[in-house]
Amino acid sequence: MYNNHKLNCIIENGLFILLCSIYSTHHIGFNPRKGVFMSLMLNTDLYRELSDSEKKVIDYIETHENKVESFSITMIANRTFTSTATVSRAIKKMGFSGGISELRYSISINKSPSEDDHEKKNEDIGNVNQILAKSYRECMYTIDNIVITDILKVIDFIKSANRIILCALGSSAMVAQEFQEQLLMLGYTPILMADEVWLKRSNLVKQNDLVFIITTLNTRPVLFDMANRAKHTGTKVVTCVCKEGTSLQGISDITIIGHTENIVNTSIMSQTSRLSLMIITRTITEYLALYE
């Protein structure tokens, strides 16, 4: 019988690995010890309730804003002689639910040009922190959206399927390829279909197979057609997608919804991230590996 606690641990550990360098938070408020306004939010009552270690972290952040905007959470811990857990906890109590990435980004965008002659450097730091904040949001929103029982049902489908037909196009096919390699190492029989010609072949899917569709926004009609044909043969269909209310969601047995962010958006091209799809597939394969 599957263990929900173990699955939650896998998801939490995966988030830590992905976000250990971008974890943090922010706001605007008052430092009761110095009597001056900070670029961080912390009222007097809350400050009094902090531990000595947390106060040390917050005081360091206030007096070293120019450095903190480019520091990792480990660097702050080393300089305050505290732990990374203490730094993370202190930042959250300051109001930055988004972790250190949000804190660093807030410092960089709220700094006035007169504070630093190196305006270009400040802009570069702000841009990097903004990118890291997007990665943080993508991971957190995806994990918040995951329904544990749906993951466990997908695992049951995989275990009972004769073959796992992975369907993906474009950049999503790279996520599907990695998923295929992981399933192969675990002894399963995944088949990757990453070409529209193959996806249009109606005779490839059998009743005891599992069709597993990986797509960011479901913009290709051929994926829906593939899922529709599979349903007519009695095949189970699982869809991983980063958009609610797609046509695929309506005919899939299980739909796991992720969150995506634009990583390239220019007049020439637009590209969305596949990070959430990697989180979902990684969770499935790591859980399967626990019982091999």
C-alpha atoms as a PDB file:
ATOM      1  CA  MET A   1       0.000   0.000   0.000  1.00  0.00           C
ATOM      2  CA  TYR A   2       1.372   3.406  -0.899  1.00  0.00           C
ATOM      3  CA  ASN A   3       2.463   5.836   1.775  1.00  0.00           C
ATOM      4  CA  ASN A   4       1.206   9.430   1.494  1.00  0.00           C
ATOM      5  CA  HIS A   5       3.825  10.611   3.977  1.00  0.00           C
ATOM      6  CA  LYS A   6       6.657   9.259   1.820  1.00  0.00           C
ATOM      7  CA  LEU A   7       5.201  10.924  -1.266  1.00  0.00           C
ATOM      8  CA  ASN A   8       4.968  14.254   0.554  1.00  0.00           C
ATOM      9  CA  CYS A   9       8.601  13.864   1.624  1.00  0.00           C
ATOM     10  CA  ILE A  10       9.629  13.292  -1.992  1.00  0.00           C
ATOM     11  CA  ILE A  11       7.856  16.465  -3.103  1.00  0.00           C
ATOM     12  CA  GLU A  12       9.299  18.531  -0.244  1.00  0.00           C
ATOM     13  CA  ASN A  13      12.831  17.213  -0.811  1.00  0.00           C
ATOM     14  CA  GLY A  14      12.545  17.908  -4.515  1.00  0.00           C
ATOM     15  CA  LEU A  15      11.482  21.476  -3.796  1.00  0.00           C
ATOM     16  CA  PHE A  16      14.447  21.940  -1.461  1.00  0.00           C
ATOM     17  CA  ILE A  17      16.917  20.715  -4.082  1.00  0.00           C
ATOM     18  CA  LEU A  18      15.422  22.956  -6.757  1.00  0.00           C
ATOM     19  CA  LEU A  19      15.132  26.015  -4.512  1.00  0.00           C
ATOM     20  CA  CYS A  20      17.996  25.853  -2.004  1.00  0.00           C
ATOM     21  CA  SER A  21      19.603  28.879  -3.654  1.00  0.00           C
ATOM     22  CA  ILE A  22      16.414  30.896  -4.244  1.00  0.00           C
ATOM     23  CA  TYR A  23      14.486  30.574  -0.960  1.00  0.00           C
ATOM     24  CA  SER A  24      13.152  33.842   0.850  1.00  0.00           C
ATOM     25  CA  THR A  25      10.586  36.838   1.602  1.00  0.00           C
ATOM     26  CA  HIS A  26       9.774  40.732   1.960  1.00  0.00           C
ATOM     27  CA  HIS A  27       7.910  43.996   2.997  1.00  0.00           C
ATOM     28  CA  ILE A  28       8.411  47.478   4.591  1.00  0.00           C
ATOM     29  CA  GLY A  29       8.466  48.368   8.267  1.00  0.00           C
ATOM     30  CA  PHE A  30      10.166  49.594  11.438  1.00  0.00           C
ATOM     31  CA  ASN A  31      13.239  48.512  13.399  1.00  0.00           C
ATOM     32  CA  PRO A  32      12.475  49.085  17.104  1.00  0.00           C
ATOM     33  CA  ARG A  33      16.133  48.852  18.117  1.00  0.00           C
ATOM     34  CA  LYS A  34      17.401  51.510  15.717  1.00  0.00           C
ATOM     35  CA  GLY A  35      14.260  53.640  15.452  1.00  0.00           C
ATOM     36  CA  VAL A  36      14.534  53.923  11.671  1.00  0.00           C
ATOM     37  CA  PHE A  37      12.478  52.546   8.794  1.00  0.00           C
ATOM     38  CA  MET A  38      13.832  49.448   7.099  1.00  0.00           C
ATOM     39  CA  SER A  39      13.190  48.115   3.609  1.00  0.00           C
ATOM     40  CA  LEU A  40      11.686  45.089   5.368  1.00  0.00           C
ATOM     41  CA  MET A  41       8.431  44.709   7.235  1.00  0.00           C
ATOM     42  CA  LEU A  42       8.612  43.906  10.939  1.00  0.00           C
ATOM     43  CA  ASN A  43       6.515  45.547  13.653  1.00  0.00           C
ATOM     44  CA  THR A  44       7.680  46.169  17.203  1.00  0.00           C
ATOM     45  CA  ASP A  45       5.657  43.394  18.837  1.00  0.00           C
ATOM     46  CA  LEU A  46       6.850  40.789  16.370  1.00  0.00           C
ATOM     47  CA  TYR A  47      10.463  41.896  16.789  1.00  0.00           C
ATOM     48  CA  ARG A  48      10.280  41.328  20.561  1.00  0.00           C
ATOM     49  CA  GLU A  49       9.081  37.760  19.999  1.00  0.00           C
ATOM     50  CA  LEU A  50      12.049  36.827  17.823  1.00  0.00           C
ATOM     51  CA  SER A  51      14.851  34.643  19.107  1.00  0.00           C
ATOM     52  CA  ASP A  52      18.276  36.198  19.559  1.00  0.00           C
ATOM     53  CA  SER A  53      19.515  34.371  16.460  1.00  0.00           C
ATOM     54  CA  GLU A  54      16.623  35.649  14.352  1.00  0.00           C
ATOM     55  CA  LYS A  55      17.239  39.221  15.554  1.00  0.00           C
ATOM     56  CA  LYS A  56      20.891  38.840  14.606  1.00  0.00           C
ATOM     57  CA  VAL A  57      19.896  37.782  11.082  1.00  0.00           C
ATOM     58  CA  ILE A  58      17.436  40.649  10.651  1.00  0.00           C
ATOM     59  CA  ASP A  59      19.886  43.228  11.978  1.00  0.00           C
ATOM     60  CA  TYR A  60      22.528  41.934   9.593  1.00  0.00           C
ATOM     61  CA  ILE A  61      20.162  42.155   6.633  1.00  0.00           C
ATOM     62  CA  GLU A  62      19.231  45.721   7.528  1.00  0.00           C
ATOM     63  CA  THR A  63      22.797  46.942   7.891  1.00  0.00           C
ATOM     64  CA  HIS A  64      24.159  45.062   4.861  1.00  0.00           C
ATOM     65  CA  GLU A  65      21.429  45.499   2.257  1.00  0.00           C
ATOM     66  CA  ASN A  66      23.937  46.247  -0.493  1.00  0.00           C
ATOM     67  CA  LYS A  67      25.570  42.862   0.072  1.00  0.00           C
ATOM     68  CA  VAL A  68      22.485  40.810   0.880  1.00  0.00           C
ATOM     69  CA  GLU A  69      20.875  41.471  -2.492  1.00  0.00           C
ATOM     70  CA  SER A  70      23.492  39.179  -4.068  1.00  0.00           C
ATOM     71  CA  PHE A  71      23.999  36.733  -1.154  1.00  0.00           C
ATOM     72  CA  SER A  72      22.758  33.173  -0.867  1.00  0.00           C
ATOM     73  CA  ILE A  73      20.981  31.988   2.263  1.00  0.00           C
ATOM     74  CA  THR A  74      24.100  30.029   3.258  1.00  0.00           C
ATOM     75  CA  MET A  75      26.289  33.138   3.011  1.00  0.00           C
ATOM     76  CA  ILE A  76      23.963  35.045   5.346  1.00  0.00           C
ATOM     77  CA  ALA A  77      24.000  32.141   7.819  1.00  0.00           C
ATOM     78  CA  ASN A  78      27.807  31.998   7.787  1.00  0.00           C
ATOM     79  CA  ARG A  79      28.161  35.731   8.396  1.00  0.00           C
ATOM     80  CA  THR A  80      25.665  35.758  11.270  1.00  0.00           C
ATOM     81  CA  PHE A  81      26.936  32.500  12.809  1.00  0.00           C
ATOM     82  CA  THR A  82      23.467  30.985  12.535  1.00  0.00           C
ATOM     83  CA  SER A  83      21.931  28.170  10.509  1.00  0.00           C
ATOM     84  CA  THR A  84      20.234  28.319   7.101  1.00  0.00           C
ATOM     85  CA  ALA A  85      16.999  27.251   8.828  1.00  0.00           C
ATOM     86  CA  THR A  86      17.233  30.265  11.167  1.00  0.00           C
ATOM     87  CA  VAL A  87      17.854  32.625   8.238  1.00  0.00           C
ATOM     88  CA  SER A  88      14.910  31.179   6.316  1.00  0.00           C
ATOM     89  CA  ARG A  89      12.636  31.438   9.356  1.00  0.00           C
ATOM     90  CA  ALA A  90      13.708  35.016  10.088  1.00  0.00           C
ATOM     91  CA  ILE A  91      13.105  36.115   6.502  1.00  0.00           C
ATOM     92  CA  LYS A  92       9.610  34.617   6.551  1.00  0.00           C
ATOM     93  CA  LYS A  93       8.816  36.441   9.792  1.00  0.00           C
ATOM     94  CA  MET A  94       9.845  39.654   8.061  1.00  0.00           C
ATOM     95  CA  GLY A  95       6.938  39.047   5.693  1.00  0.00           C
ATOM     96  CA  PHE A  96       8.702  37.517   2.694  1.00  0.00           C
ATOM     97  CA  SER A  97       6.710  34.360   2.011  1.00  0.00           C
ATOM     98  CA  GLY A  98       8.578  33.978  -1.278  1.00  0.00           C
ATOM     99  CA  GLY A  99      11.882  33.398   0.493  1.00  0.00           C
ATOM    100  CA  ILE A 100      15.292  34.900  -0.099  1.00  0.00           C
ATOM    101  CA  SER A 101      14.648  35.416  -3.800  1.00  0.00           C
ATOM    102  CA  GLU A 102      11.786  37.790  -2.971  1.00  0.00           C
ATOM    103  CA  LEU A 103      13.879  39.565  -0.332  1.00  0.00           C
ATOM    104  CA  ARG A 104      16.797  40.085  -2.701  1.00  0.00           C
ATOM    105  CA  TYR A 105      14.549  41.249  -5.502  1.00  0.00           C
ATOM    106  CA  SER A 106      12.780  43.704  -3.181  1.00  0.00           C
ATOM    107  CA  ILE A 107      16.072  45.207  -2.037  1.00  0.00           C
ATOM    108  CA  SER A 108      17.351  45.593  -5.586  1.00  0.00           C
ATOM    109  CA  ILE A 109      14.221  47.281  -6.990  1.00  0.00           C
ATOM    110  CA  ASN A 110      13.722  49.604  -3.993  1.00  0.00           C
ATOM    111  CA  LYS A 111      17.274  50.921  -4.028  1.00  0.00           C
ATOM    112  CA  SER A 112      17.526  54.500  -5.290  1.00  0.00           C
ATOM    113  CA  PRO A 113      20.240  55.314  -7.859  1.00  0.00           C
ATOM    114  CA  SER A 114      21.974  57.622  -5.372  1.00  0.00           C
ATOM    115  CA  GLU A 115      22.669  54.704  -3.047  1.00  0.00           C
ATOM    116  CA  ASP A 116      25.038  53.075  -5.462  1.00  0.00           C
ATOM    117  CA  ASP A 117      27.116  54.484  -8.301  1.00  0.00           C
ATOM    118  CA  HIS A 118      27.087  51.124 -10.034  1.00  0.00           C
ATOM    119  CA  GLU A 119      23.561  51.377 -11.440  1.00  0.00           C
ATOM    120  CA  LYS A 120      24.219  48.767 -14.124  1.00  0.00           C
ATOM    121  CA  LYS A 121      25.343  46.263 -11.505  1.00  0.00           C
ATOM    122  CA  ASN A 122      22.199  46.923  -9.473  1.00  0.00           C
ATOM    123  CA  GLU A 123      20.056  46.383 -12.540  1.00  0.00           C
ATOM    124  CA  ASP A 124      21.826  43.096 -13.299  1.00  0.00           C
ATOM    125  CA  ILE A 125      21.347  41.868  -9.740  1.00  0.00           C
ATOM    126  CA  GLY A 126      17.677  42.835  -9.850  1.00  0.00           C
ATOM    127  CA  ASN A 127      17.162  40.973 -13.119  1.00  0.00           C
ATOM    128  CA  VAL A 128      18.771  37.798 -11.764  1.00  0.00           C
ATOM    129  CA  ASN A 129      16.669  37.945  -8.596  1.00  0.00           C
ATOM    130  CA  GLN A 130      13.530  38.441 -10.685  1.00  0.00           C
ATOM    131  CA  ILE A 131      14.352  35.313 -12.695  1.00  0.00           C
ATOM    132  CA  LEU A 132      14.963  33.333  -9.502  1.00  0.00           C
ATOM    133  CA  ALA A 133      11.660  34.576  -8.097  1.00  0.00           C
ATOM    134  CA  LYS A 134       9.878  33.193 -11.169  1.00  0.00           C
ATOM    135  CA  SER A 135      11.489  29.794 -10.595  1.00  0.00           C
ATOM    136  CA  TYR A 136      10.388  29.897  -6.971  1.00  0.00           C
ATOM    137  CA  ARG A 137       6.790  30.717  -7.909  1.00  0.00           C
ATOM    138  CA  GLU A 138       6.713  27.987 -10.513  1.00  0.00           C
ATOM    139  CA  CYS A 139       7.874  25.343  -8.054  1.00  0.00           C
ATOM    140  CA  MET A 140       5.651  26.471  -5.191  1.00  0.00           C
ATOM    141  CA  TYR A 141       2.461  26.858  -7.223  1.00  0.00           C
ATOM    142  CA  THR A 142       2.999  23.492  -8.904  1.00  0.00           C
ATOM    143  CA  ILE A 143       3.525  21.671  -5.613  1.00  0.00           C
ATOM    144  CA  ASP A 144       0.553  23.456  -4.039  1.00  0.00           C
ATOM    145  CA  ASN A 145      -1.627  22.255  -6.939  1.00  0.00           C
ATOM    146  CA  ILE A 146      -0.574  18.603  -6.790  1.00  0.00           C
ATOM    147  CA  VAL A 147      -3.282  16.281  -5.502  1.00  0.00           C
ATOM    148  CA  ILE A 148      -1.461  13.424  -3.753  1.00  0.00           C
ATOM    149  CA  THR A 149      -4.186  10.873  -4.436  1.00  0.00           C
ATOM    150  CA  ASP A 150      -3.959  11.655  -8.159  1.00  0.00           C
ATOM    151  CA  ILE A 151      -0.217  10.932  -8.107  1.00  0.00           C
ATOM    152  CA  LEU A 152      -0.896   7.613  -6.400  1.00  0.00           C
ATOM    153  CA  LYS A 153      -3.545   6.722  -9.003  1.00  0.00           C
ATOM    154  CA  VAL A 154      -1.079   7.485 -11.794  1.00  0.00           C
ATOM    155  CA  ILE A 155       1.434   5.175 -10.136  1.00  0.00           C
ATOM    156  CA  ASP A 156      -1.194   2.412 -10.055  1.00  0.00           C
ATOM    157  CA  PHE A 157      -1.873   2.988 -13.772  1.00  0.00           C
ATOM    158  CA  ILE A 158       1.843   2.734 -14.572  1.00  0.00           C
ATOM    159  CA  LYS A 159       2.295  -0.451 -12.574  1.00  0.00           C
ATOM    160  CA  SER A 160      -0.658  -2.191 -14.236  1.00  0.00           C
ATOM    161  CA  ALA A 161      -0.031  -1.023 -17.822  1.00  0.00           C
ATOM    162  CA  ASN A 162       1.486  -3.285 -20.469  1.00  0.00           C
ATOM    163  CA  ARG A 163       3.148  -0.286 -22.074  1.00  0.00           C
ATOM    164  CA  ILE A 164       3.387   3.403 -21.223  1.00  0.00           C
ATOM    165  CA  ILE A 165       2.874   5.556 -24.323  1.00  0.00           C
ATOM    166  CA  LEU A 166       4.495   8.952 -23.681  1.00  0.00           C
ATOM    167  CA  CYS A 167       3.119  11.660 -25.974  1.00  0.00           C
ATOM    168  CA  ALA A 168       4.820  15.046 -26.211  1.00  0.00           C
ATOM    169  CA  LEU A 169       5.804  17.597 -28.838  1.00  0.00           C
ATOM    170  CA  GLY A 170       8.312  20.436 -29.078  1.00  0.00           C
ATOM    171  CA  SER A 171      10.256  21.327 -25.955  1.00  0.00           C
ATOM    172  CA  SER A 172       7.960  19.176 -23.804  1.00  0.00           C
ATOM    173  CA  ALA A 173       9.391  16.149 -25.597  1.00  0.00           C
ATOM    174  CA  MET A 174      12.684  16.712 -23.763  1.00  0.00           C
ATOM    175  CA  VAL A 175      10.876  16.283 -20.438  1.00  0.00           C
ATOM    176  CA  ALA A 176       9.158  13.164 -21.808  1.00  0.00           C
ATOM    177  CA  GLN A 177      12.499  11.755 -22.977  1.00  0.00           C
ATOM    178  CA  GLU A 178      14.012  12.091 -19.512  1.00  0.00           C
ATOM    179  CA  PHE A 179      10.875  10.533 -18.017  1.00  0.00           C
ATOM    180  CA  GLN A 180      11.203   7.657 -20.478  1.00  0.00           C
ATOM    181  CA  GLU A 181      14.830   7.034 -19.465  1.00  0.00           C
ATOM    182  CA  GLN A 182      13.917   6.975 -15.784  1.00  0.00           C
ATOM    183  CA  LEU A 183      11.053   4.531 -16.359  1.00  0.00           C
ATOM    184  CA  LEU A 184      13.323   2.280 -18.420  1.00  0.00           C
ATOM    185  CA  MET A 185      15.847   2.151 -15.582  1.00  0.00           C
ATOM    186  CA  LEU A 186      13.026   1.090 -13.263  1.00  0.00           C
ATOM    187  CA  GLY A 187      12.103  -1.819 -15.557  1.00  0.00           C
ATOM    188  CA  TYR A 188       8.996  -0.406 -17.256  1.00  0.00           C
ATOM    189  CA  THR A 189       8.255  -0.308 -20.999  1.00  0.00           C
ATOM    190  CA  PRO A 190       7.763   3.332 -22.013  1.00  0.00           C
ATOM    191  CA  ILE A 191       7.450   4.287 -25.680  1.00  0.00           C
ATOM    192  CA  LEU A 192       8.051   7.910 -26.615  1.00  0.00           C
ATOM    193  CA  MET A 193       5.927   9.384 -29.394  1.00  0.00           C
ATOM    194  CA  ALA A 194       7.278  12.867 -30.119  1.00  0.00           C
ATOM    195  CA  ASP A 195       6.303  13.211 -33.760  1.00  0.00           C
ATOM    196  CA  GLU A 196       2.929  14.263 -35.156  1.00  0.00           C
ATOM    197  CA  VAL A 197       3.012  11.534 -37.800  1.00  0.00           C
ATOM    198  CA  TRP A 198       3.304   8.826 -35.154  1.00  0.00           C
ATOM    199  CA  LEU A 199       0.691  10.462 -32.957  1.00  0.00           C
ATOM    200  CA  LYS A 200      -1.805  10.273 -35.821  1.00  0.00           C
ATOM    201  CA  ARG A 201      -1.421   6.494 -36.080  1.00  0.00           C
ATOM    202  CA  SER A 202      -4.580   5.106 -34.513  1.00  0.00           C
ATOM    203  CA  ASN A 203      -3.493   1.457 -34.384  1.00  0.00           C
ATOM    204  CA  LEU A 204      -0.506   1.881 -32.056  1.00  0.00           C
ATOM    205  CA  VAL A 205      -2.385   2.094 -28.747  1.00  0.00           C
ATOM    206  CA  LYS A 206      -3.868  -1.045 -27.192  1.00  0.00           C
ATOM    207  CA  GLN A 207      -6.451  -1.401 -24.444  1.00  0.00           C
ATOM    208  CA  ASN A 208      -4.038  -2.319 -21.657  1.00  0.00           C
ATOM    209  CA  ASP A 209      -1.605   0.489 -22.430  1.00  0.00           C
ATOM    210  CA  LEU A 210      -1.372   3.808 -20.595  1.00  0.00           C
ATOM    211  CA  VAL A 211      -1.285   7.017 -22.616  1.00  0.00           C
ATOM    212  CA  PHE A 212       0.690   9.650 -20.723  1.00  0.00           C
ATOM    213  CA  ILE A 213       0.552  13.124 -22.312  1.00  0.00           C
ATOM    214  CA  ILE A 214       3.070  15.820 -21.359  1.00  0.00           C
ATOM    215  CA  THR A 215       2.342  19.327 -22.596  1.00  0.00           C
ATOM    216  CA  THR A 216       2.711  22.866 -21.323  1.00  0.00           C
ATOM    217  CA  LEU A 217      -0.346  24.618 -22.748  1.00  0.00           C
ATOM    218  CA  ASN A 218      -1.977  21.924 -24.957  1.00  0.00           C
ATOM    219  CA  THR A 219      -1.844  23.953 -28.165  1.00  0.00           C
ATOM    220  CA  ARG A 220      -1.527  20.945 -30.493  1.00  0.00           C
ATOM    221  CA  PRO A 221      -4.859  19.368 -31.605  1.00  0.00           C
ATOM    222  CA  VAL A 222      -3.046  16.117 -32.415  1.00  0.00           C
ATOM    223  CA  LEU A 223      -2.569  15.461 -28.678  1.00  0.00           C
ATOM    224  CA  PHE A 224      -6.306  15.687 -28.054  1.00  0.00           C
ATOM    225  CA  ASP A 225      -6.989  13.422 -31.061  1.00  0.00           C
ATOM    226  CA  MET A 226      -4.541  10.866 -29.671  1.00  0.00           C
ATOM    227  CA  ALA A 227      -6.181  10.940 -26.243  1.00  0.00           C
ATOM    228  CA  ASN A 228      -9.648  10.686 -27.786  1.00  0.00           C
ATOM    229  CA  ARG A 229      -8.719   7.599 -29.806  1.00  0.00           C
ATOM    230  CA  ALA A 230      -7.163   6.025 -26.729  1.00  0.00           C
ATOM    231  CA  LYS A 231     -10.344   6.554 -24.715  1.00  0.00           C
ATOM    232  CA  HIS A 232     -12.390   4.846 -27.422  1.00  0.00           C
ATOM    233  CA  THR A 233     -10.192   1.749 -27.064  1.00  0.00           C
ATOM    234  CA  GLY A 234     -10.633   1.736 -23.288  1.00  0.00           C
ATOM    235  CA  THR A 235      -7.090   2.953 -22.595  1.00  0.00           C
ATOM    236  CA  LYS A 236      -6.332   5.024 -19.501  1.00  0.00           C
ATOM    237  CA  VAL A 237      -5.163   8.577 -20.259  1.00  0.00           C
ATOM    238  CA  VAL A 238      -3.060  10.757 -17.944  1.00  0.00           C
ATOM    239  CA  THR A 239      -2.264  14.372 -18.822  1.00  0.00           C
ATOM    240  CA  CYS A 240       0.353  16.654 -17.284  1.00  0.00           C
ATOM    241  CA  VAL A 241      -0.358  20.221 -18.378  1.00  0.00           C
ATOM    242  CA  CYS A 242       0.237  23.754 -17.099  1.00  0.00           C
ATOM    243  CA  LYS A 243      -3.150  25.197 -17.986  1.00  0.00           C
ATOM    244  CA  GLU A 244      -6.599  24.697 -16.457  1.00  0.00           C
ATOM    245  CA  GLY A 245      -9.665  23.838 -18.510  1.00  0.00           C
ATOM    246  CA  THR A 246      -8.034  22.403 -21.637  1.00  0.00           C
ATOM    247  CA  SER A 247      -9.835  19.980 -23.927  1.00  0.00           C
ATOM    248  CA  LEU A 248      -7.443  17.254 -22.775  1.00  0.00           C
ATOM    249  CA  GLN A 249      -8.505  17.707 -19.180  1.00  0.00           C
ATOM    250  CA  GLY A 250     -12.077  16.909 -20.143  1.00  0.00           C
ATOM    251  CA  ILE A 251     -11.289  13.440 -21.515  1.00  0.00           C
ATOM    252  CA  SER A 252      -8.325  12.395 -19.363  1.00  0.00           C
ATOM    253  CA  ASP A 253      -8.756   9.952 -16.488  1.00  0.00           C
ATOM    254  CA  ILE A 254      -6.341  12.034 -14.434  1.00  0.00           C
ATOM    255  CA  THR A 255      -5.003  15.530 -15.110  1.00  0.00           C
ATOM    256  CA  ILE A 256      -2.119  16.929 -13.075  1.00  0.00           C
ATOM    257  CA  ILE A 257      -1.917  20.712 -13.340  1.00  0.00           C
ATOM    258  CA  GLY A 258       1.410  22.510 -13.048  1.00  0.00           C
ATOM    259  CA  HIS A 259       2.329  26.194 -13.159  1.00  0.00           C
ATOM    260  CA  THR A 260       4.493  27.759 -15.842  1.00  0.00           C
ATOM    261  CA  GLU A 261       6.177  31.128 -16.347  1.00  0.00           C
ATOM    262  CA  ASN A 262       7.427  32.859 -19.480  1.00  0.00           C
ATOM    263  CA  ILE A 263      11.191  32.480 -19.745  1.00  0.00           C
ATOM    264  CA  VAL A 264      11.596  34.057 -23.182  1.00  0.00           C
ATOM    265  CA  ASN A 265       9.203  36.730 -24.418  1.00  0.00           C
ATOM    266  CA  THR A 266      10.450  38.810 -27.317  1.00  0.00           C
ATOM    267  CA  SER A 267       9.131  40.039 -30.640  1.00  0.00           C
ATOM    268  CA  ILE A 268      10.843  37.039 -32.248  1.00  0.00           C
ATOM    269  CA  MET A 269       9.682  34.203 -30.008  1.00  0.00           C
ATOM    270  CA  SER A 270       7.914  33.286 -26.798  1.00  0.00           C
ATOM    271  CA  GLN A 271       8.933  30.333 -24.640  1.00  0.00           C
ATOM    272  CA  THR A 272       7.384  28.981 -21.446  1.00  0.00           C
ATOM    273  CA  SER A 273       9.163  26.975 -18.786  1.00  0.00           C
ATOM    274  CA  ARG A 274       8.821  23.181 -18.426  1.00  0.00           C
ATOM    275  CA  LEU A 275      10.103  23.121 -14.850  1.00  0.00           C
ATOM    276  CA  SER A 276       6.719  22.154 -13.403  1.00  0.00           C
ATOM    277  CA  LEU A 277       6.476  19.165 -15.763  1.00  0.00           C
ATOM    278  CA  MET A 278       9.864  18.012 -14.508  1.00  0.00           C
ATOM    279  CA  ILE A 279       8.684  18.307 -10.896  1.00  0.00           C
ATOM    280  CA  ILE A 280       5.633  16.151 -11.622  1.00  0.00           C
ATOM    281  CA  THR A 281       7.471  13.428 -13.541  1.00  0.00           C
ATOM    282  CA  ARG A 282      10.338  13.392 -11.068  1.00  0.00           C
ATOM    283  CA  THR A 283       7.871  12.889  -8.186  1.00  0.00           C
ATOM    284  CA  ILE A 284       6.341   9.887  -9.959  1.00  0.00           C
ATOM    285  CA  THR A 285       9.627   8.172 -10.814  1.00  0.00           C
ATOM    286  CA  GLU A 286      11.190   8.773  -7.417  1.00  0.00           C
ATOM    287  CA  TYR A 287       8.154   7.301  -5.685  1.00  0.00           C
ATOM    288  CA  LEU A 288       8.234   4.288  -8.007  1.00  0.00           C
ATOM    289  CA  ALA A 289      11.917   3.804  -7.173  1.00  0.00           C
ATOM    290  CA  LEU A 290      11.094   3.464  -3.455  1.00  0.00           C
ATOM    291  CA  TYR A 291       9.464   0.099  -4.138  1.00  0.00           C
ATOM    292  CA  GLU A 292      11.966  -1.370  -6.596  1.00  0.00           C
END
